[in-house]
mmCIF file of all heavy atoms, coordinates in Angstrom:
data_MODEL
# 
_entry.id   MODEL 
# 
loop_
_atom_site.group_PDB 
_atom_site.id 
_atom_site.type_symbol 
_atom_site.label_atom_id 
_atom_site.label_alt_id 
_atom_site.label_comp_id 
_atom_site.label_asym_id 
_atom_site.label_entity_id 
_atom_site.label_seq_id 
_atom_site.pdbx_PDB_ins_code 
_atom_site.Cartn_x 
_atom_site.Cartn_y 
_atom_site.Cartn_z 
_atom_site.occupancy 
_atom_site.B_iso_or_equiv 
_atom_site.pdbx_formal_charge 
_atom_site.auth_seq_id 
_atom_site.auth_comp_id 
_atom_site.auth_asym_id 
_atom_site.auth_atom_id 
_atom_site.pdbx_PDB_model_num 
ATOM 1   N N   . LEU A 1 1  ? 62.674 -17.981 47.324 1.00 0.00 ? 1  LEU A N   1 
ATOM 2   C CA  . LEU A 1 1  ? 61.381 -17.694 47.950 1.00 0.00 ? 1  LEU A CA  1 
ATOM 3   C C   . LEU A 1 1  ? 60.722 -16.491 47.301 1.00 0.00 ? 1  LEU A C   1 
ATOM 4   O O   . LEU A 1 1  ? 61.397 -15.527 46.920 1.00 0.00 ? 1  LEU A O   1 
ATOM 5   C CB  . LEU A 1 1  ? 61.570 -17.396 49.441 1.00 0.00 ? 1  LEU A CB  1 
ATOM 6   C CG  . LEU A 1 1  ? 61.528 -18.581 50.402 1.00 0.00 ? 1  LEU A CG  1 
ATOM 7   C CD1 . LEU A 1 1  ? 62.677 -19.528 50.142 1.00 0.00 ? 1  LEU A CD1 1 
ATOM 8   C CD2 . LEU A 1 1  ? 61.564 -18.090 51.842 1.00 0.00 ? 1  LEU A CD2 1 
ATOM 9   N N   . THR A 1 2  ? 59.403 -16.532 47.187 1.00 0.00 ? 2  THR A N   1 
ATOM 10  C CA  . THR A 1 2  ? 58.660 -15.377 46.709 1.00 0.00 ? 2  THR A CA  1 
ATOM 11  C C   . THR A 1 2  ? 57.293 -15.317 47.371 1.00 0.00 ? 2  THR A C   1 
ATOM 12  O O   . THR A 1 2  ? 56.658 -16.351 47.595 1.00 0.00 ? 2  THR A O   1 
ATOM 13  C CB  . THR A 1 2  ? 58.498 -15.394 45.179 1.00 0.00 ? 2  THR A CB  1 
ATOM 14  O OG1 . THR A 1 2  ? 57.699 -14.263 44.777 1.00 0.00 ? 2  THR A OG1 1 
ATOM 15  C CG2 . THR A 1 2  ? 57.827 -16.668 44.685 1.00 0.00 ? 2  THR A CG2 1 
ATOM 16  N N   . ASN A 1 3  ? 56.860 -14.108 47.694 1.00 0.00 ? 3  ASN A N   1 
ATOM 17  C CA  . ASN A 1 3  ? 55.503 -13.895 48.202 1.00 0.00 ? 3  ASN A CA  1 
ATOM 18  C C   . ASN A 1 3  ? 54.468 -13.905 47.086 1.00 0.00 ? 3  ASN A C   1 
ATOM 19  O O   . ASN A 1 3  ? 53.269 -13.903 47.344 1.00 0.00 ? 3  ASN A O   1 
ATOM 20  C CB  . ASN A 1 3  ? 55.425 -12.560 48.953 1.00 0.00 ? 3  ASN A CB  1 
ATOM 21  C CG  . ASN A 1 3  ? 55.582 -12.725 50.461 1.00 0.00 ? 3  ASN A CG  1 
ATOM 22  O OD1 . ASN A 1 3  ? 55.724 -13.837 50.966 1.00 0.00 ? 3  ASN A OD1 1 
ATOM 23  N ND2 . ASN A 1 3  ? 55.562 -11.615 51.174 1.00 0.00 ? 3  ASN A ND2 1 
ATOM 24  N N   . ASN A 1 4  ? 54.916 -13.890 45.857 1.00 0.00 ? 4  ASN A N   1 
ATOM 25  C CA  . ASN A 1 4  ? 54.005 -13.891 44.716 1.00 0.00 ? 4  ASN A CA  1 
ATOM 26  C C   . ASN A 1 4  ? 53.264 -15.229 44.649 1.00 0.00 ? 4  ASN A C   1 
ATOM 27  O O   . ASN A 1 4  ? 53.888 -16.284 44.562 1.00 0.00 ? 4  ASN A O   1 
ATOM 28  C CB  . ASN A 1 4  ? 54.801 -13.667 43.425 1.00 0.00 ? 4  ASN A CB  1 
ATOM 29  C CG  . ASN A 1 4  ? 53.910 -13.430 42.223 1.00 0.00 ? 4  ASN A CG  1 
ATOM 30  O OD1 . ASN A 1 4  ? 52.883 -14.071 42.064 1.00 0.00 ? 4  ASN A OD1 1 
ATOM 31  N ND2 . ASN A 1 4  ? 54.320 -12.522 41.367 1.00 0.00 ? 4  ASN A ND2 1 
ATOM 32  N N   . SER A 1 5  ? 51.936 -15.170 44.699 1.00 0.00 ? 5  SER A N   1 
ATOM 33  C CA  . SER A 1 5  ? 51.140 -16.406 44.674 1.00 0.00 ? 5  SER A CA  1 
ATOM 34  C C   . SER A 1 5  ? 50.448 -16.613 43.333 1.00 0.00 ? 5  SER A C   1 
ATOM 35  O O   . SER A 1 5  ? 49.644 -17.533 43.184 1.00 0.00 ? 5  SER A O   1 
ATOM 36  C CB  . SER A 1 5  ? 50.088 -16.381 45.788 1.00 0.00 ? 5  SER A CB  1 
ATOM 37  O OG  . SER A 1 5  ? 49.150 -15.328 45.569 1.00 0.00 ? 5  SER A OG  1 
ATOM 38  N N   . ILE A 1 6  ? 50.765 -15.759 42.349 1.00 0.00 ? 6  ILE A N   1 
ATOM 39  C CA  . ILE A 1 6  ? 50.085 -15.849 41.054 1.00 0.00 ? 6  ILE A CA  1 
ATOM 40  C C   . ILE A 1 6  ? 50.538 -17.078 40.280 1.00 0.00 ? 6  ILE A C   1 
ATOM 41  O O   . ILE A 1 6  ? 49.725 -17.786 39.678 1.00 0.00 ? 6  ILE A O   1 
ATOM 42  C CB  . ILE A 1 6  ? 50.340 -14.574 40.217 1.00 0.00 ? 6  ILE A CB  1 
ATOM 43  C CG1 . ILE A 1 6  ? 49.612 -13.383 40.842 1.00 0.00 ? 6  ILE A CG1 1 
ATOM 44  C CG2 . ILE A 1 6  ? 49.886 -14.775 38.773 1.00 0.00 ? 6  ILE A CG2 1 
ATOM 45  C CD1 . ILE A 1 6  ? 49.846 -12.073 40.102 1.00 0.00 ? 6  ILE A CD1 1 
ATOM 46  N N   . PHE A 1 7  ? 51.851 -17.345 40.294 1.00 0.00 ? 7  PHE A N   1 
ATOM 47  C CA  . PHE A 1 7  ? 52.418 -18.355 39.414 1.00 0.00 ? 7  PHE A CA  1 
ATOM 48  C C   . PHE A 1 7  ? 52.765 -19.642 40.160 1.00 0.00 ? 7  PHE A C   1 
ATOM 49  O O   . PHE A 1 7  ? 53.090 -19.626 41.344 1.00 0.00 ? 7  PHE A O   1 
ATOM 50  C CB  . PHE A 1 7  ? 53.685 -17.817 38.742 1.00 0.00 ? 7  PHE A CB  1 
ATOM 51  C CG  . PHE A 1 7  ? 53.462 -16.550 37.962 1.00 0.00 ? 7  PHE A CG  1 
ATOM 52  C CD1 . PHE A 1 7  ? 53.895 -15.328 38.459 1.00 0.00 ? 7  PHE A CD1 1 
ATOM 53  C CD2 . PHE A 1 7  ? 52.803 -16.582 36.742 1.00 0.00 ? 7  PHE A CD2 1 
ATOM 54  C CE1 . PHE A 1 7  ? 53.686 -14.158 37.749 1.00 0.00 ? 7  PHE A CE1 1 
ATOM 55  C CE2 . PHE A 1 7  ? 52.592 -15.417 36.023 1.00 0.00 ? 7  PHE A CE2 1 
ATOM 56  C CZ  . PHE A 1 7  ? 53.026 -14.201 36.534 1.00 0.00 ? 7  PHE A CZ  1 
ATOM 57  N N   . THR A 1 8  ? 52.717 -20.759 39.447 1.00 0.00 ? 8  THR A N   1 
ATOM 58  C CA  . THR A 1 8  ? 53.210 -22.016 39.989 1.00 0.00 ? 8  THR A CA  1 
ATOM 59  C C   . THR A 1 8  ? 54.732 -22.009 39.955 1.00 0.00 ? 8  THR A C   1 
ATOM 60  O O   . THR A 1 8  ? 55.356 -21.182 39.269 1.00 0.00 ? 8  THR A O   1 
ATOM 61  C CB  . THR A 1 8  ? 52.706 -23.215 39.168 1.00 0.00 ? 8  THR A CB  1 
ATOM 62  O OG1 . THR A 1 8  ? 53.283 -23.135 37.852 1.00 0.00 ? 8  THR A OG1 1 
ATOM 63  C CG2 . THR A 1 8  ? 51.190 -23.233 39.068 1.00 0.00 ? 8  THR A CG2 1 
ATOM 64  N N   . ALA A 1 9  ? 55.339 -22.943 40.661 1.00 0.00 ? 9  ALA A N   1 
ATOM 65  C CA  . ALA A 1 9  ? 56.802 -23.056 40.634 1.00 0.00 ? 9  ALA A CA  1 
ATOM 66  C C   . ALA A 1 9  ? 57.288 -23.341 39.219 1.00 0.00 ? 9  ALA A C   1 
ATOM 67  O O   . ALA A 1 9  ? 58.335 -22.833 38.792 1.00 0.00 ? 9  ALA A O   1 
ATOM 68  C CB  . ALA A 1 9  ? 57.255 -24.149 41.595 1.00 0.00 ? 9  ALA A CB  1 
ATOM 69  N N   . ARG A 1 10 ? 56.526 -24.115 38.463 1.00 0.00 ? 10 ARG A N   1 
ATOM 70  C CA  . ARG A 1 10 ? 56.901 -24.404 37.076 1.00 0.00 ? 10 ARG A CA  1 
ATOM 71  C C   . ARG A 1 10 ? 56.884 -23.140 36.225 1.00 0.00 ? 10 ARG A C   1 
ATOM 72  O O   . ARG A 1 10 ? 57.779 -22.899 35.415 1.00 0.00 ? 10 ARG A O   1 
ATOM 73  C CB  . ARG A 1 10 ? 55.964 -25.454 36.490 1.00 0.00 ? 10 ARG A CB  1 
ATOM 74  C CG  . ARG A 1 10 ? 56.329 -25.881 35.073 1.00 0.00 ? 10 ARG A CG  1 
ATOM 75  C CD  . ARG A 1 10 ? 55.443 -27.035 34.624 1.00 0.00 ? 10 ARG A CD  1 
ATOM 76  N NE  . ARG A 1 10 ? 55.624 -28.195 35.491 1.00 0.00 ? 10 ARG A NE  1 
ATOM 77  C CZ  . ARG A 1 10 ? 54.894 -29.306 35.415 1.00 0.00 ? 10 ARG A CZ  1 
ATOM 78  N NH1 . ARG A 1 10 ? 53.948 -29.410 34.488 1.00 0.00 ? 10 ARG A NH1 1 
ATOM 79  N NH2 . ARG A 1 10 ? 55.118 -30.303 36.242 1.00 0.00 ? 10 ARG A NH2 1 
ATOM 80  N N   . ASP A 1 11 ? 55.847 -22.313 36.428 1.00 0.00 ? 11 ASP A N   1 
ATOM 81  C CA  . ASP A 1 11 ? 55.772 -21.034 35.705 1.00 0.00 ? 11 ASP A CA  1 
ATOM 82  C C   . ASP A 1 11 ? 56.978 -20.157 36.042 1.00 0.00 ? 11 ASP A C   1 
ATOM 83  O O   . ASP A 1 11 ? 57.579 -19.549 35.152 1.00 0.00 ? 11 ASP A O   1 
ATOM 84  C CB  . ASP A 1 11 ? 54.500 -20.273 36.083 1.00 0.00 ? 11 ASP A CB  1 
ATOM 85  C CG  . ASP A 1 11 ? 53.227 -20.981 35.657 1.00 0.00 ? 11 ASP A CG  1 
ATOM 86  O OD1 . ASP A 1 11 ? 53.276 -21.739 34.668 1.00 0.00 ? 11 ASP A OD1 1 
ATOM 87  O OD2 . ASP A 1 11 ? 52.190 -20.781 36.319 1.00 0.00 ? 11 ASP A OD2 1 
ATOM 88  N N   . LEU A 1 12 ? 57.300 -20.086 37.323 1.00 0.00 ? 12 LEU A N   1 
ATOM 89  C CA  . LEU A 1 12 ? 58.387 -19.216 37.754 1.00 0.00 ? 12 LEU A CA  1 
ATOM 90  C C   . LEU A 1 12 ? 59.732 -19.710 37.232 1.00 0.00 ? 12 LEU A C   1 
ATOM 91  O O   . LEU A 1 12 ? 60.598 -18.909 36.874 1.00 0.00 ? 12 LEU A O   1 
ATOM 92  C CB  . LEU A 1 12 ? 58.405 -19.111 39.280 1.00 0.00 ? 12 LEU A CB  1 
ATOM 93  C CG  . LEU A 1 12 ? 57.228 -18.340 39.881 1.00 0.00 ? 12 LEU A CG  1 
ATOM 94  C CD1 . LEU A 1 12 ? 57.225 -18.468 41.397 1.00 0.00 ? 12 LEU A CD1 1 
ATOM 95  C CD2 . LEU A 1 12 ? 57.259 -16.874 39.471 1.00 0.00 ? 12 LEU A CD2 1 
ATOM 96  N N   . ARG A 1 13 ? 59.899 -21.028 37.196 1.00 0.00 ? 13 ARG A N   1 
ATOM 97  C CA  . ARG A 1 13 ? 61.135 -21.561 36.610 1.00 0.00 ? 13 ARG A CA  1 
ATOM 98  C C   . ARG A 1 13 ? 61.271 -21.108 35.163 1.00 0.00 ? 13 ARG A C   1 
ATOM 99  O O   . ARG A 1 13 ? 62.352 -20.687 34.733 1.00 0.00 ? 13 ARG A O   1 
ATOM 100 C CB  . ARG A 1 13 ? 61.146 -23.086 36.685 1.00 0.00 ? 13 ARG A CB  1 
ATOM 101 C CG  . ARG A 1 13 ? 62.246 -23.704 35.810 1.00 0.00 ? 13 ARG A CG  1 
ATOM 102 C CD  . ARG A 1 13 ? 62.424 -25.195 36.015 1.00 0.00 ? 13 ARG A CD  1 
ATOM 103 N NE  . ARG A 1 13 ? 63.192 -25.767 34.914 1.00 0.00 ? 13 ARG A NE  1 
ATOM 104 C CZ  . ARG A 1 13 ? 64.486 -25.567 34.678 1.00 0.00 ? 13 ARG A CZ  1 
ATOM 105 N NH1 . ARG A 1 13 ? 65.171 -24.747 35.458 1.00 0.00 ? 13 ARG A NH1 1 
ATOM 106 N NH2 . ARG A 1 13 ? 65.107 -26.139 33.668 1.00 0.00 ? 13 ARG A NH2 1 
ATOM 107 N N   . ALA A 1 14 ? 60.179 -21.179 34.415 1.00 0.00 ? 14 ALA A N   1 
ATOM 108 C CA  . ALA A 1 14 ? 60.219 -20.775 33.002 1.00 0.00 ? 14 ALA A CA  1 
ATOM 109 C C   . ALA A 1 14 ? 60.516 -19.288 32.868 1.00 0.00 ? 14 ALA A C   1 
ATOM 110 O O   . ALA A 1 14 ? 61.278 -18.866 31.982 1.00 0.00 ? 14 ALA A O   1 
ATOM 111 C CB  . ALA A 1 14 ? 58.896 -21.117 32.323 1.00 0.00 ? 14 ALA A CB  1 
ATOM 112 N N   . ARG A 1 15 ? 59.934 -18.469 33.747 1.00 0.00 ? 15 ARG A N   1 
ATOM 113 C CA  . ARG A 1 15 ? 60.171 -17.025 33.689 1.00 0.00 ? 15 ARG A CA  1 
ATOM 114 C C   . ARG A 1 15 ? 61.625 -16.697 34.026 1.00 0.00 ? 15 ARG A C   1 
ATOM 115 O O   . ARG A 1 15 ? 62.241 -15.829 33.395 1.00 0.00 ? 15 ARG A O   1 
ATOM 116 C CB  . ARG A 1 15 ? 59.213 -16.309 34.644 1.00 0.00 ? 15 ARG A CB  1 
ATOM 117 C CG  . ARG A 1 15 ? 57.758 -16.365 34.176 1.00 0.00 ? 15 ARG A CG  1 
ATOM 118 C CD  . ARG A 1 15 ? 56.811 -15.970 35.294 1.00 0.00 ? 15 ARG A CD  1 
ATOM 119 N NE  . ARG A 1 15 ? 56.885 -14.554 35.597 1.00 0.00 ? 15 ARG A NE  1 
ATOM 120 C CZ  . ARG A 1 15 ? 56.170 -13.616 34.989 1.00 0.00 ? 15 ARG A CZ  1 
ATOM 121 N NH1 . ARG A 1 15 ? 55.327 -13.947 34.012 1.00 0.00 ? 15 ARG A NH1 1 
ATOM 122 N NH2 . ARG A 1 15 ? 56.272 -12.356 35.331 1.00 0.00 ? 15 ARG A NH2 1 
ATOM 123 N N   . LEU A 1 16 ? 62.172 -17.384 35.022 1.00 0.00 ? 16 LEU A N   1 
ATOM 124 C CA  . LEU A 1 16 ? 63.573 -17.159 35.375 1.00 0.00 ? 16 LEU A CA  1 
ATOM 125 C C   . LEU A 1 16 ? 64.497 -17.622 34.259 1.00 0.00 ? 16 LEU A C   1 
ATOM 126 O O   . LEU A 1 16 ? 65.487 -16.952 33.940 1.00 0.00 ? 16 LEU A O   1 
ATOM 127 C CB  . LEU A 1 16 ? 63.909 -17.883 36.683 1.00 0.00 ? 16 LEU A CB  1 
ATOM 128 C CG  . LEU A 1 16 ? 63.337 -17.270 37.953 1.00 0.00 ? 16 LEU A CG  1 
ATOM 129 C CD1 . LEU A 1 16 ? 63.528 -18.220 39.131 1.00 0.00 ? 16 LEU A CD1 1 
ATOM 130 C CD2 . LEU A 1 16 ? 63.990 -15.924 38.270 1.00 0.00 ? 16 LEU A CD2 1 
ATOM 131 N N   . LEU A 1 17 ? 64.164 -18.759 33.666 1.00 0.00 ? 17 LEU A N   1 
ATOM 132 C CA  . LEU A 1 17 ? 64.995 -19.300 32.593 1.00 0.00 ? 17 LEU A CA  1 
ATOM 133 C C   . LEU A 1 17 ? 65.022 -18.344 31.398 1.00 0.00 ? 17 LEU A C   1 
ATOM 134 O O   . LEU A 1 17 ? 66.060 -18.178 30.746 1.00 0.00 ? 17 LEU A O   1 
ATOM 135 C CB  . LEU A 1 17 ? 64.474 -20.672 32.169 1.00 0.00 ? 17 LEU A CB  1 
ATOM 136 C CG  . LEU A 1 17 ? 65.421 -21.579 31.378 1.00 0.00 ? 17 LEU A CG  1 
ATOM 137 C CD1 . LEU A 1 17 ? 66.722 -21.823 32.140 1.00 0.00 ? 17 LEU A CD1 1 
ATOM 138 C CD2 . LEU A 1 17 ? 64.740 -22.904 31.063 1.00 0.00 ? 17 LEU A CD2 1 
ATOM 139 N N   . ALA A 1 18 ? 63.900 -17.695 31.137 1.00 0.00 ? 18 ALA A N   1 
ATOM 140 C CA  . ALA A 1 18 ? 63.848 -16.714 30.043 1.00 0.00 ? 18 ALA A CA  1 
ATOM 141 C C   . ALA A 1 18 ? 64.757 -15.529 30.320 1.00 0.00 ? 18 ALA A C   1 
ATOM 142 O O   . ALA A 1 18 ? 65.192 -14.838 29.394 1.00 0.00 ? 18 ALA A O   1 
ATOM 143 C CB  . ALA A 1 18 ? 62.410 -16.246 29.836 1.00 0.00 ? 18 ALA A CB  1 
ATOM 144 N N   . SER A 1 19 ? 65.044 -15.295 31.607 1.00 0.00 ? 19 SER A N   1 
ATOM 145 C CA  . SER A 1 19 ? 65.962 -14.219 31.990 1.00 0.00 ? 19 SER A CA  1 
ATOM 146 C C   . SER A 1 19 ? 67.410 -14.690 32.063 1.00 0.00 ? 19 SER A C   1 
ATOM 147 O O   . SER A 1 19 ? 68.295 -13.918 32.409 1.00 0.00 ? 19 SER A O   1 
ATOM 148 C CB  . SER A 1 19 ? 65.556 -13.641 33.353 1.00 0.00 ? 19 SER A CB  1 
ATOM 149 O OG  . SER A 1 19 ? 64.243 -13.149 33.328 1.00 0.00 ? 19 SER A OG  1 
ATOM 150 N N   . GLY A 1 20 ? 67.625 -15.990 31.780 1.00 0.00 ? 20 GLY A N   1 
ATOM 151 C CA  . GLY A 1 20 ? 68.973 -16.534 31.823 1.00 0.00 ? 20 GLY A CA  1 
ATOM 152 C C   . GLY A 1 20 ? 69.370 -17.124 33.157 1.00 0.00 ? 20 GLY A C   1 
ATOM 153 O O   . GLY A 1 20 ? 70.552 -17.411 33.387 1.00 0.00 ? 20 GLY A O   1 
ATOM 154 N N   . ILE A 1 21 ? 68.394 -17.319 34.053 1.00 0.00 ? 21 ILE A N   1 
ATOM 155 C CA  . ILE A 1 21 ? 68.672 -17.863 35.383 1.00 0.00 ? 21 ILE A CA  1 
ATOM 156 C C   . ILE A 1 21 ? 68.044 -19.243 35.478 1.00 0.00 ? 21 ILE A C   1 
ATOM 157 O O   . ILE A 1 21 ? 66.823 -19.392 35.368 1.00 0.00 ? 21 ILE A O   1 
ATOM 158 C CB  . ILE A 1 21 ? 68.105 -16.947 36.484 1.00 0.00 ? 21 ILE A CB  1 
ATOM 159 C CG1 . ILE A 1 21 ? 68.666 -15.521 36.330 1.00 0.00 ? 21 ILE A CG1 1 
ATOM 160 C CG2 . ILE A 1 21 ? 68.425 -17.494 37.862 1.00 0.00 ? 21 ILE A CG2 1 
ATOM 161 C CD1 . ILE A 1 21 ? 67.990 -14.511 37.230 1.00 0.00 ? 21 ILE A CD1 1 
ATOM 162 N N   . ASP A 1 22 ? 68.860 -20.259 35.696 1.00 0.00 ? 22 ASP A N   1 
ATOM 163 C CA  . ASP A 1 22 ? 68.392 -21.650 35.682 1.00 0.00 ? 22 ASP A CA  1 
ATOM 164 C C   . ASP A 1 22 ? 68.189 -22.150 37.101 1.00 0.00 ? 22 ASP A C   1 
ATOM 165 O O   . ASP A 1 22 ? 69.141 -22.543 37.782 1.00 0.00 ? 22 ASP A O   1 
ATOM 166 C CB  . ASP A 1 22 ? 69.408 -22.518 34.942 1.00 0.00 ? 22 ASP A CB  1 
ATOM 167 C CG  . ASP A 1 22 ? 68.885 -23.932 34.709 1.00 0.00 ? 22 ASP A CG  1 
ATOM 168 O OD1 . ASP A 1 22 ? 67.729 -24.213 35.101 1.00 0.00 ? 22 ASP A OD1 1 
ATOM 169 O OD2 . ASP A 1 22 ? 69.632 -24.749 34.143 1.00 0.00 ? 22 ASP A OD2 1 
ATOM 170 N N   . VAL A 1 23 ? 66.940 -22.123 37.574 1.00 0.00 ? 23 VAL A N   1 
ATOM 171 C CA  . VAL A 1 23 ? 66.596 -22.590 38.914 1.00 0.00 ? 23 VAL A CA  1 
ATOM 172 C C   . VAL A 1 23 ? 65.678 -23.803 38.780 1.00 0.00 ? 23 VAL A C   1 
ATOM 173 O O   . VAL A 1 23 ? 64.619 -23.704 38.162 1.00 0.00 ? 23 VAL A O   1 
ATOM 174 C CB  . VAL A 1 23 ? 65.885 -21.497 39.739 1.00 0.00 ? 23 VAL A CB  1 
ATOM 175 C CG1 . VAL A 1 23 ? 65.499 -22.028 41.122 1.00 0.00 ? 23 VAL A CG1 1 
ATOM 176 C CG2 . VAL A 1 23 ? 66.762 -20.265 39.870 1.00 0.00 ? 23 VAL A CG2 1 
ATOM 177 N N   . PRO A 1 24 ? 66.041 -24.945 39.343 1.00 0.00 ? 24 PRO A N   1 
ATOM 178 C CA  . PRO A 1 24 ? 65.152 -26.115 39.276 1.00 0.00 ? 24 PRO A CA  1 
ATOM 179 C C   . PRO A 1 24 ? 63.796 -25.822 39.910 1.00 0.00 ? 24 PRO A C   1 
ATOM 180 O O   . PRO A 1 24 ? 63.703 -25.043 40.870 1.00 0.00 ? 24 PRO A O   1 
ATOM 181 C CB  . PRO A 1 24 ? 65.922 -27.185 40.064 1.00 0.00 ? 24 PRO A CB  1 
ATOM 182 C CG  . PRO A 1 24 ? 67.346 -26.739 40.023 1.00 0.00 ? 24 PRO A CG  1 
ATOM 183 C CD  . PRO A 1 24 ? 67.313 -25.246 40.019 1.00 0.00 ? 24 PRO A CD  1 
ATOM 184 N N   . GLU A 1 25 ? 62.767 -26.452 39.387 1.00 0.00 ? 25 GLU A N   1 
ATOM 185 C CA  . GLU A 1 25 ? 61.412 -26.211 39.887 1.00 0.00 ? 25 GLU A CA  1 
ATOM 186 C C   . GLU A 1 25 ? 61.286 -26.508 41.371 1.00 0.00 ? 25 GLU A C   1 
ATOM 187 O O   . GLU A 1 25 ? 60.605 -25.777 42.103 1.00 0.00 ? 25 GLU A O   1 
ATOM 188 C CB  . GLU A 1 25 ? 60.432 -27.076 39.090 1.00 0.00 ? 25 GLU A CB  1 
ATOM 189 C CG  . GLU A 1 25 ? 58.976 -26.872 39.439 1.00 0.00 ? 25 GLU A CG  1 
ATOM 190 C CD  . GLU A 1 25 ? 58.049 -27.751 38.617 1.00 0.00 ? 25 GLU A CD  1 
ATOM 191 O OE1 . GLU A 1 25 ? 58.425 -28.116 37.477 1.00 0.00 ? 25 GLU A OE1 1 
ATOM 192 O OE2 . GLU A 1 25 ? 56.960 -28.084 39.106 1.00 0.00 ? 25 GLU A OE2 1 
ATOM 193 N N   . ASP A 1 26 ? 61.952 -27.576 41.833 1.00 0.00 ? 26 ASP A N   1 
ATOM 194 C CA  . ASP A 1 26 ? 61.823 -27.940 43.245 1.00 0.00 ? 26 ASP A CA  1 
ATOM 195 C C   . ASP A 1 26 ? 62.651 -27.048 44.163 1.00 0.00 ? 26 ASP A C   1 
ATOM 196 O O   . ASP A 1 26 ? 62.667 -27.249 45.383 1.00 0.00 ? 26 ASP A O   1 
ATOM 197 C CB  . ASP A 1 26 ? 62.158 -29.412 43.472 1.00 0.00 ? 26 ASP A CB  1 
ATOM 198 C CG  . ASP A 1 26 ? 63.581 -29.762 43.077 1.00 0.00 ? 26 ASP A CG  1 
ATOM 199 O OD1 . ASP A 1 26 ? 64.328 -28.865 42.621 1.00 0.00 ? 26 ASP A OD1 1 
ATOM 200 O OD2 . ASP A 1 26 ? 63.967 -30.940 43.231 1.00 0.00 ? 26 ASP A OD2 1 
ATOM 201 N N   . CYS A 1 27 ? 63.327 -26.049 43.590 1.00 0.00 ? 27 CYS A N   1 
ATOM 202 C CA  . CYS A 1 27 ? 64.080 -25.084 44.394 1.00 0.00 ? 27 CYS A CA  1 
ATOM 203 C C   . CYS A 1 27 ? 63.352 -23.743 44.484 1.00 0.00 ? 27 CYS A C   1 
ATOM 204 O O   . CYS A 1 27 ? 63.953 -22.729 44.845 1.00 0.00 ? 27 CYS A O   1 
ATOM 205 C CB  . CYS A 1 27 ? 65.477 -24.867 43.815 1.00 0.00 ? 27 CYS A CB  1 
ATOM 206 S SG  . CYS A 1 27 ? 66.570 -26.294 44.000 1.00 0.00 ? 27 CYS A SG  1 
ATOM 207 N N   . ILE A 1 28 ? 62.059 -23.737 44.144 1.00 0.00 ? 28 ILE A N   1 
ATOM 208 C CA  . ILE A 1 28 ? 61.252 -22.524 44.215 1.00 0.00 ? 28 ILE A CA  1 
ATOM 209 C C   . ILE A 1 28 ? 60.129 -22.741 45.229 1.00 0.00 ? 28 ILE A C   1 
ATOM 210 O O   . ILE A 1 28 ? 59.408 -23.736 45.159 1.00 0.00 ? 28 ILE A O   1 
ATOM 211 C CB  . ILE A 1 28 ? 60.673 -22.166 42.832 1.00 0.00 ? 28 ILE A CB  1 
ATOM 212 C CG1 . ILE A 1 28 ? 61.807 -21.879 41.838 1.00 0.00 ? 28 ILE A CG1 1 
ATOM 213 C CG2 . ILE A 1 28 ? 59.737 -20.965 42.943 1.00 0.00 ? 28 ILE A CG2 1 
ATOM 214 C CD1 . ILE A 1 28 ? 61.351 -21.692 40.402 1.00 0.00 ? 28 ILE A CD1 1 
# 
């Protein structure tokens, strides 16, 4: 969960993946 409304779930998945954290888009 995030209060951040700037990014889509797809964007956030990509940002997390760049940090080495693999979270499916539908889990955001």
